[in-house]
Amino acid sequence: SDWLDLSTGINPDGYPVPLIDPSCWQRLPEDDDGLEAAAAAYYGNDRLLALPGSQAAIQALPGLFLPAAVACVSPIYEEHPLAWQRAGHRLRRVPTLQRALAASTPNILLCNPSNPTAVTQARNAVLDAADQLKRSGGWLVVDEAFADAEPENSLVSLAGGIDAPNLIVLRSLGKFFGLAGARVGFLFGDAEKLKHLREMIGPWAVSHPSRAVATAALADFAWHATARTKLLASSQRLADLLAPLGVVGRTALFCTVRTPLVASHFEYFARRAILTRSFDHYGLLRFGLPGNEAEWQRLATAVHERKVP
């Protein structure tokens, strides 16, 4: 109870969940309850499949492709390469999207914004990559788990459409909406791939209460606008606060410090009961957003008192 947990990129001021109709606990979920319509309106794309969290897609998606080489723009959320490797694919880790294209692999995996580096690829660059892969029959899989706060960089509306039929996009309600416990995510893309994935995960994949909460959250456009403004301001505050520790990259939901002192910094904060997320191999230390002013001041004091070796 004494820990300040900054190890996740979850919105600490998440969507205020309304009262849930008691019937949600007594009846199986139905596909015409409004969730898919709300998701299509929010994301701008009705070529979608609702899932019990985007993790379900991460684990199942590699099985929809014949084993081949896949380029992972790294660092990357490690569940992606792990799942593709388990499905018999050959991994190639590359540092940039340009290097991934030069590797001439049939498929490319990308997190945009990147988790954990906080790097965001320009929308046109990602769309161009999908177009290049399309010419050779390849696929581009983009995890946009942290894209909600800056939707202008997202390609979700194009996934599986005429302009990007080979683009597959994953989205989640866990980060921006702060609804990680609801376990709701979506896959957008090719109709045939969605059909096969639906068959793989079976019926009633997302619980009735989770569908009800997700529908309300996706339809609340006023809350979206307020949350975006607040998150962008908070991430800038966090980046400024962390500047003494090293070079800081940021998304709206987390900031990442690039420094050779990752292990030392991690231990220092942990001894003060502040939990961060370290990526020692890449020299990265990730900080989520504090949830209230007392937490902000606690982190600020810790950073101020940090004596760099």
C-alpha atoms as a PDB file:
ATOM      1  CA  SER A   1       0.000   0.000   0.000  1.00  0.00           C
ATOM      2  CA  ASP A   2       3.015   2.318   0.361  1.00  0.00           C
ATOM      3  CA  TRP A   3       4.108   1.931  -3.254  1.00  0.00           C
ATOM      4  CA  LEU A   4       3.641   4.573  -5.914  1.00  0.00           C
ATOM      5  CA  ASP A   5       3.215   2.393  -8.997  1.00  0.00           C
ATOM      6  CA  LEU A   6       4.360   4.204 -12.135  1.00  0.00           C
ATOM      7  CA  SER A   7       5.250   1.004 -13.964  1.00  0.00           C
ATOM      8  CA  THR A   8       2.219   1.007 -16.284  1.00  0.00           C
ATOM      9  CA  GLY A   9       1.029   3.376 -18.993  1.00  0.00           C
ATOM     10  CA  ILE A  10      -2.580   3.297 -17.805  1.00  0.00           C
ATOM     11  CA  ASN A  11      -4.523   6.554 -17.458  1.00  0.00           C
ATOM     12  CA  PRO A  12      -4.680   7.147 -13.676  1.00  0.00           C
ATOM     13  CA  ASP A  13      -7.863   9.175 -14.153  1.00  0.00           C
ATOM     14  CA  GLY A  14      -9.753   6.662 -16.246  1.00  0.00           C
ATOM     15  CA  TYR A  15     -13.270   6.639 -17.582  1.00  0.00           C
ATOM     16  CA  PRO A  16     -15.887   6.953 -14.801  1.00  0.00           C
ATOM     17  CA  VAL A  17     -17.724   3.666 -15.122  1.00  0.00           C
ATOM     18  CA  PRO A  18     -21.512   4.073 -14.889  1.00  0.00           C
ATOM     19  CA  LEU A  19     -23.836   1.731 -13.034  1.00  0.00           C
ATOM     20  CA  ILE A  20     -24.153  -1.570 -14.872  1.00  0.00           C
ATOM     21  CA  ASP A  21     -27.572  -3.006 -15.655  1.00  0.00           C
ATOM     22  CA  PRO A  22     -27.957  -6.094 -13.410  1.00  0.00           C
ATOM     23  CA  SER A  23     -29.183  -8.085 -16.419  1.00  0.00           C
ATOM     24  CA  CYS A  24     -25.587  -7.976 -17.749  1.00  0.00           C
ATOM     25  CA  TRP A  25     -24.648 -10.498 -15.063  1.00  0.00           C
ATOM     26  CA  GLN A  26     -27.518 -12.842 -15.907  1.00  0.00           C
ATOM     27  CA  ARG A  27     -27.503 -12.993 -19.712  1.00  0.00           C
ATOM     28  CA  LEU A  28     -24.932 -13.918 -22.299  1.00  0.00           C
ATOM     29  CA  PRO A  29     -23.622 -10.976 -24.350  1.00  0.00           C
ATOM     30  CA  GLU A  30     -25.242 -10.247 -27.696  1.00  0.00           C
ATOM     31  CA  ASP A  31     -23.551  -8.933 -30.826  1.00  0.00           C
ATOM     32  CA  ASP A  32     -26.211  -6.282 -31.444  1.00  0.00           C
ATOM     33  CA  ASP A  33     -25.854  -4.541 -28.069  1.00  0.00           C
ATOM     34  CA  GLY A  34     -24.229  -1.453 -29.569  1.00  0.00           C
ATOM     35  CA  LEU A  35     -20.566  -2.155 -28.827  1.00  0.00           C
ATOM     36  CA  GLU A  36     -19.480  -2.697 -32.425  1.00  0.00           C
ATOM     37  CA  ALA A  37     -21.431   0.362 -33.585  1.00  0.00           C
ATOM     38  CA  ALA A  38     -19.849   2.523 -30.864  1.00  0.00           C
ATOM     39  CA  ALA A  39     -16.393   1.201 -31.750  1.00  0.00           C
ATOM     40  CA  ALA A  40     -16.926   1.830 -35.472  1.00  0.00           C
ATOM     41  CA  ALA A  41     -17.959   5.425 -34.743  1.00  0.00           C
ATOM     42  CA  TYR A  42     -15.034   6.063 -32.389  1.00  0.00           C
ATOM     43  CA  TYR A  43     -12.331   4.461 -34.543  1.00  0.00           C
ATOM     44  CA  GLY A  44     -13.825   5.351 -37.928  1.00  0.00           C
ATOM     45  CA  ASN A  45     -13.787   1.734 -39.121  1.00  0.00           C
ATOM     46  CA  ASP A  46     -16.403  -1.020 -38.989  1.00  0.00           C
ATOM     47  CA  ARG A  47     -13.982  -3.725 -40.147  1.00  0.00           C
ATOM     48  CA  LEU A  48     -13.432  -4.871 -36.578  1.00  0.00           C
ATOM     49  CA  LEU A  49     -13.580  -7.723 -34.119  1.00  0.00           C
ATOM     50  CA  ALA A  50     -14.132  -7.167 -30.392  1.00  0.00           C
ATOM     51  CA  LEU A  51     -11.766  -9.184 -28.231  1.00  0.00           C
ATOM     52  CA  PRO A  52     -11.102  -9.897 -24.535  1.00  0.00           C
ATOM     53  CA  GLY A  53      -8.244  -7.407 -24.583  1.00  0.00           C
ATOM     54  CA  SER A  54      -5.787  -6.846 -27.430  1.00  0.00           C
ATOM     55  CA  GLN A  55      -3.628  -9.546 -25.830  1.00  0.00           C
ATOM     56  CA  ALA A  56      -5.998 -12.117 -27.322  1.00  0.00           C
ATOM     57  CA  ALA A  57      -5.174 -10.813 -30.796  1.00  0.00           C
ATOM     58  CA  ILE A  58      -1.460 -10.657 -30.038  1.00  0.00           C
ATOM     59  CA  GLN A  59      -1.427 -14.344 -29.159  1.00  0.00           C
ATOM     60  CA  ALA A  60      -3.760 -15.613 -31.870  1.00  0.00           C
ATOM     61  CA  LEU A  61      -2.863 -13.440 -34.854  1.00  0.00           C
ATOM     62  CA  PRO A  62       0.444 -15.161 -35.779  1.00  0.00           C
ATOM     63  CA  GLY A  63      -1.475 -18.403 -36.312  1.00  0.00           C
ATOM     64  CA  LEU A  64      -3.359 -16.807 -39.208  1.00  0.00           C
ATOM     65  CA  PHE A  65      -0.147 -16.571 -41.255  1.00  0.00           C
ATOM     66  CA  LEU A  66       2.045 -19.281 -42.761  1.00  0.00           C
ATOM     67  CA  PRO A  67       5.382 -19.452 -40.923  1.00  0.00           C
ATOM     68  CA  ALA A  68       7.763 -16.906 -42.431  1.00  0.00           C
ATOM     69  CA  ALA A  69      10.208 -14.192 -41.460  1.00  0.00           C
ATOM     70  CA  VAL A  70       8.803 -11.263 -39.523  1.00  0.00           C
ATOM     71  CA  ALA A  71      10.610  -8.014 -38.767  1.00  0.00           C
ATOM     72  CA  CYS A  72       9.983  -6.480 -35.350  1.00  0.00           C
ATOM     73  CA  VAL A  73      10.741  -2.786 -34.983  1.00  0.00           C
ATOM     74  CA  SER A  74      12.479  -2.976 -31.597  1.00  0.00           C
ATOM     75  CA  PRO A  75      12.314  -2.307 -28.729  1.00  0.00           C
ATOM     76  CA  ILE A  76       8.747  -3.571 -28.867  1.00  0.00           C
ATOM     77  CA  TYR A  77       6.126  -4.907 -26.481  1.00  0.00           C
ATOM     78  CA  GLU A  78       7.668  -8.340 -26.012  1.00  0.00           C
ATOM     79  CA  GLU A  79       4.410 -10.300 -26.149  1.00  0.00           C
ATOM     80  CA  HIS A  80       4.384  -9.656 -29.916  1.00  0.00           C
ATOM     81  CA  PRO A  81       7.673 -11.372 -30.878  1.00  0.00           C
ATOM     82  CA  LEU A  82       7.049 -14.109 -28.315  1.00  0.00           C
ATOM     83  CA  ALA A  83       3.727 -15.016 -29.925  1.00  0.00           C
ATOM     84  CA  TRP A  84       5.116 -14.972 -33.475  1.00  0.00           C
ATOM     85  CA  GLN A  85       8.076 -17.100 -32.453  1.00  0.00           C
ATOM     86  CA  ARG A  86       5.802 -19.647 -30.773  1.00  0.00           C
ATOM     87  CA  ALA A  87       3.799 -19.885 -34.006  1.00  0.00           C
ATOM     88  CA  GLY A  88       6.921 -20.904 -35.927  1.00  0.00           C
ATOM     89  CA  HIS A  89       7.876 -17.573 -37.472  1.00  0.00           C
ATOM     90  CA  ARG A  90      11.498 -16.399 -37.739  1.00  0.00           C
ATOM     91  CA  LEU A  91      12.149 -13.136 -35.948  1.00  0.00           C
ATOM     92  CA  ARG A  92      14.328 -10.295 -37.170  1.00  0.00           C
ATOM     93  CA  ARG A  93      14.729  -7.416 -34.720  1.00  0.00           C
ATOM     94  CA  VAL A  94      15.486  -4.098 -36.403  1.00  0.00           C
ATOM     95  CA  PRO A  95      15.787  -0.590 -34.925  1.00  0.00           C
ATOM     96  CA  THR A  96      13.677   1.364 -37.425  1.00  0.00           C
ATOM     97  CA  LEU A  97      10.745   0.954 -39.782  1.00  0.00           C
ATOM     98  CA  GLN A  98      13.061   1.773 -42.695  1.00  0.00           C
ATOM     99  CA  ARG A  99      15.373  -1.085 -41.720  1.00  0.00           C
ATOM    100  CA  ALA A 100      12.366  -3.381 -41.451  1.00  0.00           C
ATOM    101  CA  LEU A 101      11.377  -2.559 -45.020  1.00  0.00           C
ATOM    102  CA  ALA A 102      14.955  -3.058 -46.208  1.00  0.00           C
ATOM    103  CA  ALA A 103      14.971  -6.524 -44.598  1.00  0.00           C
ATOM    104  CA  SER A 104      12.364  -7.605 -47.192  1.00  0.00           C
ATOM    105  CA  THR A 105      10.483  -9.831 -44.750  1.00  0.00           C
ATOM    106  CA  PRO A 106       6.887 -10.739 -45.633  1.00  0.00           C
ATOM    107  CA  ASN A 107       5.528  -9.241 -42.416  1.00  0.00           C
ATOM    108  CA  ILE A 108       6.422  -6.333 -40.128  1.00  0.00           C
ATOM    109  CA  LEU A 109       5.394  -5.696 -36.508  1.00  0.00           C
ATOM    110  CA  LEU A 110       5.298  -2.158 -35.143  1.00  0.00           C
ATOM    111  CA  CYS A 111       4.051  -0.406 -31.999  1.00  0.00           C
ATOM    112  CA  ASN A 112       3.006   3.151 -32.746  1.00  0.00           C
ATOM    113  CA  PRO A 113       3.567   5.016 -30.482  1.00  0.00           C
ATOM    114  CA  SER A 114       6.392   2.718 -29.503  1.00  0.00           C
ATOM    115  CA  ASN A 115       6.268   0.928 -26.190  1.00  0.00           C
ATOM    116  CA  PRO A 116       8.712   1.463 -24.507  1.00  0.00           C
ATOM    117  CA  THR A 117      10.713   4.084 -26.466  1.00  0.00           C
ATOM    118  CA  ALA A 118       7.820   6.600 -26.822  1.00  0.00           C
ATOM    119  CA  VAL A 119       8.797   7.181 -30.480  1.00  0.00           C
ATOM    120  CA  THR A 120       5.840   7.906 -32.768  1.00  0.00           C
ATOM    121  CA  GLN A 121       6.105   7.124 -36.473  1.00  0.00           C
ATOM    122  CA  ALA A 122       4.551   9.680 -38.808  1.00  0.00           C
ATOM    123  CA  ARG A 123       1.212   8.556 -40.201  1.00  0.00           C
ATOM    124  CA  ASN A 124       2.342   8.921 -43.815  1.00  0.00           C
ATOM    125  CA  ALA A 125       5.483   6.863 -43.160  1.00  0.00           C
ATOM    126  CA  VAL A 126       3.481   3.966 -41.747  1.00  0.00           C
ATOM    127  CA  LEU A 127       0.945   4.137 -44.581  1.00  0.00           C
ATOM    128  CA  ASP A 128       3.776   4.143 -47.110  1.00  0.00           C
ATOM    129  CA  ALA A 129       5.264   1.067 -45.414  1.00  0.00           C
ATOM    130  CA  ALA A 130       1.937  -0.743 -45.728  1.00  0.00           C
ATOM    131  CA  ASP A 131       1.818   0.198 -49.406  1.00  0.00           C
ATOM    132  CA  GLN A 132       5.331  -1.123 -50.027  1.00  0.00           C
ATOM    133  CA  LEU A 133       4.486  -4.407 -48.325  1.00  0.00           C
ATOM    134  CA  LYS A 134       1.235  -4.695 -50.291  1.00  0.00           C
ATOM    135  CA  ARG A 135       3.149  -4.766 -53.562  1.00  0.00           C
ATOM    136  CA  SER A 136       5.019  -7.867 -52.430  1.00  0.00           C
ATOM    137  CA  GLY A 137       2.048  -9.553 -50.744  1.00  0.00           C
ATOM    138  CA  GLY A 138       3.245  -8.665 -47.237  1.00  0.00           C
ATOM    139  CA  TRP A 139       1.403  -7.535 -44.113  1.00  0.00           C
ATOM    140  CA  LEU A 140       1.926  -4.727 -41.611  1.00  0.00           C
ATOM    141  CA  VAL A 141       0.685  -5.262 -38.037  1.00  0.00           C
ATOM    142  CA  VAL A 142       0.506  -2.090 -35.943  1.00  0.00           C
ATOM    143  CA  ASP A 143      -0.253  -2.048 -32.219  1.00  0.00           C
ATOM    144  CA  GLU A 144      -1.823   1.331 -31.424  1.00  0.00           C
ATOM    145  CA  ALA A 145      -2.440   0.708 -27.716  1.00  0.00           C
ATOM    146  CA  PHE A 146      -1.211   4.231 -26.846  1.00  0.00           C
ATOM    147  CA  ALA A 147      -2.636   6.103 -29.851  1.00  0.00           C
ATOM    148  CA  ASP A 148      -5.944   7.413 -28.464  1.00  0.00           C
ATOM    149  CA  ALA A 149      -4.655  10.704 -27.089  1.00  0.00           C
ATOM    150  CA  GLU A 150      -3.246  11.781 -30.468  1.00  0.00           C
ATOM    151  CA  PRO A 151      -5.615  10.205 -33.034  1.00  0.00           C
ATOM    152  CA  GLU A 152      -4.225  12.257 -35.912  1.00  0.00           C
ATOM    153  CA  ASN A 153      -1.306   9.794 -36.092  1.00  0.00           C
ATOM    154  CA  SER A 154      -3.523   6.708 -36.144  1.00  0.00           C
ATOM    155  CA  LEU A 155      -4.161   4.513 -39.179  1.00  0.00           C
ATOM    156  CA  VAL A 156      -6.966   2.499 -37.614  1.00  0.00           C
ATOM    157  CA  SER A 157      -9.603   3.977 -39.937  1.00  0.00           C
ATOM    158  CA  LEU A 158      -7.756   2.594 -42.996  1.00  0.00           C
ATOM    159  CA  ALA A 159      -7.030  -0.938 -41.757  1.00  0.00           C
ATOM    160  CA  GLY A 160      -8.432  -3.552 -44.124  1.00  0.00           C
ATOM    161  CA  GLY A 161      -9.835  -0.925 -46.474  1.00  0.00           C
ATOM    162  CA  ILE A 162      -9.168  -0.243 -50.123  1.00  0.00           C
ATOM    163  CA  ASP A 163      -6.138   1.956 -49.357  1.00  0.00           C
ATOM    164  CA  ALA A 164      -4.516  -0.484 -46.925  1.00  0.00           C
ATOM    165  CA  PRO A 165      -5.992  -3.989 -47.291  1.00  0.00           C
ATOM    166  CA  ASN A 166      -2.854  -5.548 -45.761  1.00  0.00           C
ATOM    167  CA  LEU A 167      -2.820  -3.308 -42.680  1.00  0.00           C
ATOM    168  CA  ILE A 168      -3.898  -4.829 -39.363  1.00  0.00           C
ATOM    169  CA  VAL A 169      -4.327  -2.548 -36.345  1.00  0.00           C
ATOM    170  CA  LEU A 170      -4.768  -3.498 -32.696  1.00  0.00           C
ATOM    171  CA  ARG A 171      -6.488  -1.166 -30.228  1.00  0.00           C
ATOM    172  CA  SER A 172      -7.275  -1.459 -26.540  1.00  0.00           C
ATOM    173  CA  LEU A 173      -9.418   0.262 -23.909  1.00  0.00           C
ATOM    174  CA  GLY A 174      -6.846  -0.469 -21.216  1.00  0.00           C
ATOM    175  CA  LYS A 175      -4.578   2.574 -21.558  1.00  0.00           C
ATOM    176  CA  PHE A 176      -6.333   5.812 -22.560  1.00  0.00           C
ATOM    177  CA  PHE A 177      -9.656   4.800 -21.015  1.00  0.00           C
ATOM    178  CA  GLY A 178      -7.994   3.304 -17.938  1.00  0.00           C
ATOM    179  CA  LEU A 179     -10.144   0.172 -18.268  1.00  0.00           C
ATOM    180  CA  ALA A 180      -7.449  -2.503 -18.225  1.00  0.00           C
ATOM    181  CA  GLY A 181      -9.527  -4.670 -15.898  1.00  0.00           C
ATOM    182  CA  ALA A 182     -12.452  -4.764 -18.314  1.00  0.00           C
ATOM    183  CA  ARG A 183     -10.324  -6.669 -20.853  1.00  0.00           C
ATOM    184  CA  VAL A 184     -11.694  -5.126 -24.041  1.00  0.00           C
ATOM    185  CA  GLY A 185      -9.736  -4.694 -27.246  1.00  0.00           C
ATOM    186  CA  PHE A 186     -10.272  -4.676 -30.995  1.00  0.00           C
ATOM    187  CA  LEU A 187      -8.628  -5.950 -34.127  1.00  0.00           C
ATOM    188  CA  PHE A 188      -9.154  -4.020 -37.381  1.00  0.00           C
ATOM    189  CA  GLY A 189      -8.302  -5.333 -40.812  1.00  0.00           C
ATOM    190  CA  ASP A 190      -8.959  -7.871 -43.533  1.00  0.00           C
ATOM    191  CA  ALA A 191     -12.392  -9.520 -43.377  1.00  0.00           C
ATOM    192  CA  GLU A 192     -11.024 -13.027 -43.926  1.00  0.00           C
ATOM    193  CA  LYS A 193      -8.499 -12.641 -41.109  1.00  0.00           C
ATOM    194  CA  LEU A 194     -11.228 -11.347 -38.787  1.00  0.00           C
ATOM    195  CA  LYS A 195     -13.456 -14.295 -39.690  1.00  0.00           C
ATOM    196  CA  HIS A 196     -10.765 -16.850 -38.890  1.00  0.00           C
ATOM    197  CA  LEU A 197      -9.871 -15.120 -35.633  1.00  0.00           C
ATOM    198  CA  ARG A 198     -13.526 -15.023 -34.579  1.00  0.00           C
ATOM    199  CA  GLU A 199     -13.706 -18.771 -35.137  1.00  0.00           C
ATOM    200  CA  MET A 200     -10.534 -19.293 -33.114  1.00  0.00           C
ATOM    201  CA  ILE A 201     -11.649 -17.390 -30.020  1.00  0.00           C
ATOM    202  CA  GLY A 202     -15.204 -18.726 -30.036  1.00  0.00           C
ATOM    203  CA  PRO A 203     -18.502 -17.118 -28.987  1.00  0.00           C
ATOM    204  CA  TRP A 204     -19.066 -14.639 -26.132  1.00  0.00           C
ATOM    205  CA  ALA A 205     -15.404 -13.654 -26.027  1.00  0.00           C
ATOM    206  CA  VAL A 206     -16.066 -10.335 -24.266  1.00  0.00           C
ATOM    207  CA  SER A 207     -18.205 -10.449 -21.124  1.00  0.00           C
ATOM    208  CA  HIS A 208     -21.571  -8.711 -21.026  1.00  0.00           C
ATOM    209  CA  PRO A 209     -20.576  -6.194 -18.272  1.00  0.00           C
ATOM    210  CA  SER A 210     -17.350  -5.356 -20.121  1.00  0.00           C
ATOM    211  CA  ARG A 211     -19.255  -4.774 -23.350  1.00  0.00           C
ATOM    212  CA  ALA A 212     -21.653  -2.426 -21.556  1.00  0.00           C
ATOM    213  CA  VAL A 213     -18.837  -0.399 -19.982  1.00  0.00           C
ATOM    214  CA  ALA A 214     -16.874  -0.263 -23.250  1.00  0.00           C
ATOM    215  CA  THR A 215     -19.913   0.899 -25.212  1.00  0.00           C
ATOM    216  CA  ALA A 216     -20.490   3.778 -22.814  1.00  0.00           C
ATOM    217  CA  ALA A 217     -16.793   4.763 -22.826  1.00  0.00           C
ATOM    218  CA  LEU A 218     -16.432   4.717 -26.602  1.00  0.00           C
ATOM    219  CA  ALA A 219     -19.571   6.821 -27.101  1.00  0.00           C
ATOM    220  CA  ASP A 220     -18.599   9.569 -24.630  1.00  0.00           C
ATOM    221  CA  PHE A 221     -16.879  11.995 -27.012  1.00  0.00           C
ATOM    222  CA  ALA A 222     -16.956  14.839 -24.483  1.00  0.00           C
ATOM    223  CA  TRP A 223     -14.932  12.741 -22.045  1.00  0.00           C
ATOM    224  CA  HIS A 224     -12.473  11.829 -24.823  1.00  0.00           C
ATOM    225  CA  ALA A 225     -11.732  15.496 -25.547  1.00  0.00           C
ATOM    226  CA  THR A 226     -11.258  16.388 -21.886  1.00  0.00           C
ATOM    227  CA  ALA A 227      -9.049  13.362 -21.263  1.00  0.00           C
ATOM    228  CA  ARG A 228      -6.811  14.144 -24.238  1.00  0.00           C
ATOM    229  CA  THR A 229      -6.219  17.700 -23.085  1.00  0.00           C
ATOM    230  CA  LYS A 230      -5.440  16.605 -19.536  1.00  0.00           C
ATOM    231  CA  LEU A 231      -3.155  13.724 -20.551  1.00  0.00           C
ATOM    232  CA  LEU A 232      -1.092  15.804 -22.965  1.00  0.00           C
ATOM    233  CA  ALA A 233      -0.552  18.459 -20.303  1.00  0.00           C
ATOM    234  CA  SER A 234       0.346  15.832 -17.702  1.00  0.00           C
ATOM    235  CA  SER A 235       2.843  14.087 -19.969  1.00  0.00           C
ATOM    236  CA  GLN A 236       4.585  17.390 -20.672  1.00  0.00           C
ATOM    237  CA  ARG A 237       4.761  18.050 -16.933  1.00  0.00           C
ATOM    238  CA  LEU A 238       6.227  14.594 -16.389  1.00  0.00           C
ATOM    239  CA  ALA A 239       8.801  15.053 -19.158  1.00  0.00           C
ATOM    240  CA  ASP A 240       9.925  18.363 -17.655  1.00  0.00           C
ATOM    241  CA  LEU A 241      10.139  16.801 -14.193  1.00  0.00           C
ATOM    242  CA  LEU A 242      12.252  13.867 -15.405  1.00  0.00           C
ATOM    243  CA  ALA A 243      14.655  15.929 -17.539  1.00  0.00           C
ATOM    244  CA  PRO A 244      17.488  15.843 -14.920  1.00  0.00           C
ATOM    245  CA  LEU A 245      17.645  12.032 -15.289  1.00  0.00           C
ATOM    246  CA  GLY A 246      18.497  11.917 -18.998  1.00  0.00           C
ATOM    247  CA  VAL A 247      16.991  12.296 -22.440  1.00  0.00           C
ATOM    248  CA  VAL A 248      13.230  11.995 -22.168  1.00  0.00           C
ATOM    249  CA  GLY A 249      10.795  10.739 -24.808  1.00  0.00           C
ATOM    250  CA  ARG A 250       7.082  10.939 -24.169  1.00  0.00           C
ATOM    251  CA  THR A 251       3.660   9.799 -25.194  1.00  0.00           C
ATOM    252  CA  ALA A 252       0.489  11.126 -23.598  1.00  0.00           C
ATOM    253  CA  LEU A 253       0.484   8.210 -21.150  1.00  0.00           C
ATOM    254  CA  PHE A 254       4.131   7.653 -20.220  1.00  0.00           C
ATOM    255  CA  CYS A 255       7.610   9.132 -20.446  1.00  0.00           C
ATOM    256  CA  THR A 256      10.783   7.164 -21.082  1.00  0.00           C
ATOM    257  CA  VAL A 257      14.222   8.211 -19.916  1.00  0.00           C
ATOM    258  CA  ARG A 258      17.171   7.085 -22.029  1.00  0.00           C
ATOM    259  CA  THR A 259      20.242   6.768 -19.816  1.00  0.00           C
ATOM    260  CA  PRO A 260      23.172   4.422 -19.109  1.00  0.00           C
ATOM    261  CA  LEU A 261      22.157   4.568 -15.434  1.00  0.00           C
ATOM    262  CA  VAL A 262      18.939   2.553 -15.840  1.00  0.00           C
ATOM    263  CA  ALA A 263      19.705  -0.042 -13.154  1.00  0.00           C
ATOM    264  CA  SER A 264      20.914   2.578 -10.703  1.00  0.00           C
ATOM    265  CA  HIS A 265      17.889   4.823 -11.270  1.00  0.00           C
ATOM    266  CA  PHE A 266      15.479   1.900 -10.982  1.00  0.00           C
ATOM    267  CA  GLU A 267      16.944   0.807  -7.646  1.00  0.00           C
ATOM    268  CA  TYR A 268      17.004   4.360  -6.322  1.00  0.00           C
ATOM    269  CA  PHE A 269      13.297   4.896  -6.986  1.00  0.00           C
ATOM    270  CA  ALA A 270      12.390   1.406  -5.794  1.00  0.00           C
ATOM    271  CA  ARG A 271      14.074   2.064  -2.454  1.00  0.00           C
ATOM    272  CA  ARG A 272      11.769   5.058  -2.157  1.00  0.00           C
ATOM    273  CA  ALA A 273       8.786   2.791  -2.973  1.00  0.00           C
ATOM    274  CA  ILE A 274       8.340   4.288  -6.455  1.00  0.00           C
ATOM    275  CA  LEU A 275       7.979   1.517  -9.015  1.00  0.00           C
ATOM    276  CA  THR A 276       9.122   2.212 -12.566  1.00  0.00           C
ATOM    277  CA  ARG A 277       9.645  -0.081 -15.558  1.00  0.00           C
ATOM    278  CA  SER A 278      13.215  -0.745 -16.625  1.00  0.00           C
ATOM    279  CA  PHE A 279      14.514  -1.998 -19.965  1.00  0.00           C
ATOM    280  CA  ASP A 280      18.158  -2.499 -19.092  1.00  0.00           C
ATOM    281  CA  HIS A 281      19.201  -3.912 -22.457  1.00  0.00           C
ATOM    282  CA  TYR A 282      18.066  -0.754 -24.233  1.00  0.00           C
ATOM    283  CA  GLY A 283      19.059   1.773 -21.560  1.00  0.00           C
ATOM    284  CA  LEU A 284      15.444   2.833 -20.972  1.00  0.00           C
ATOM    285  CA  LEU A 285      13.436   3.600 -17.838  1.00  0.00           C
ATOM    286  CA  ARG A 286       9.690   4.188 -18.252  1.00  0.00           C
ATOM    287  CA  PHE A 287       7.494   6.298 -15.961  1.00  0.00           C
ATOM    288  CA  GLY A 288       3.712   6.349 -15.998  1.00  0.00           C
ATOM    289  CA  LEU A 289       1.667   9.358 -14.889  1.00  0.00           C
ATOM    290  CA  PRO A 290       1.119  10.100 -11.188  1.00  0.00           C
ATOM    291  CA  GLY A 291      -2.546  10.059 -10.249  1.00  0.00           C
ATOM    292  CA  ASN A 292      -2.847  13.056  -7.902  1.00  0.00           C
ATOM    293  CA  GLU A 293      -0.920  16.075  -6.647  1.00  0.00           C
ATOM    294  CA  ALA A 294       0.526  14.220  -3.655  1.00  0.00           C
ATOM    295  CA  GLU A 295       2.001  11.617  -6.015  1.00  0.00           C
ATOM    296  CA  TRP A 296       3.389  14.324  -8.282  1.00  0.00           C
ATOM    297  CA  GLN A 297       5.125  15.955  -5.345  1.00  0.00           C
ATOM    298  CA  ARG A 298       6.475  12.632  -4.107  1.00  0.00           C
ATOM    299  CA  LEU A 299       8.031  11.925  -7.501  1.00  0.00           C
ATOM    300  CA  ALA A 300       9.346  15.482  -7.841  1.00  0.00           C
ATOM    301  CA  THR A 301      11.056  15.244  -4.454  1.00  0.00           C
ATOM    302  CA  ALA A 302      12.648  11.923  -5.382  1.00  0.00           C
ATOM    303  CA  VAL A 303      13.972  13.288  -8.687  1.00  0.00           C
ATOM    304  CA  HIS A 304      15.249  16.463  -7.018  1.00  0.00           C
ATOM    305  CA  GLU A 305      17.130  14.485  -4.362  1.00  0.00           C
ATOM    306  CA  ARG A 306      18.613  12.020  -6.837  1.00  0.00           C
ATOM    307  CA  LYS A 307      22.379  12.296  -6.794  1.00  0.00           C
ATOM    308  CA  VAL A 308      23.614  10.991 -10.153  1.00  0.00           C
ATOM    309  CA  PRO A 309      26.776   8.862  -9.664  1.00  0.00           C
END
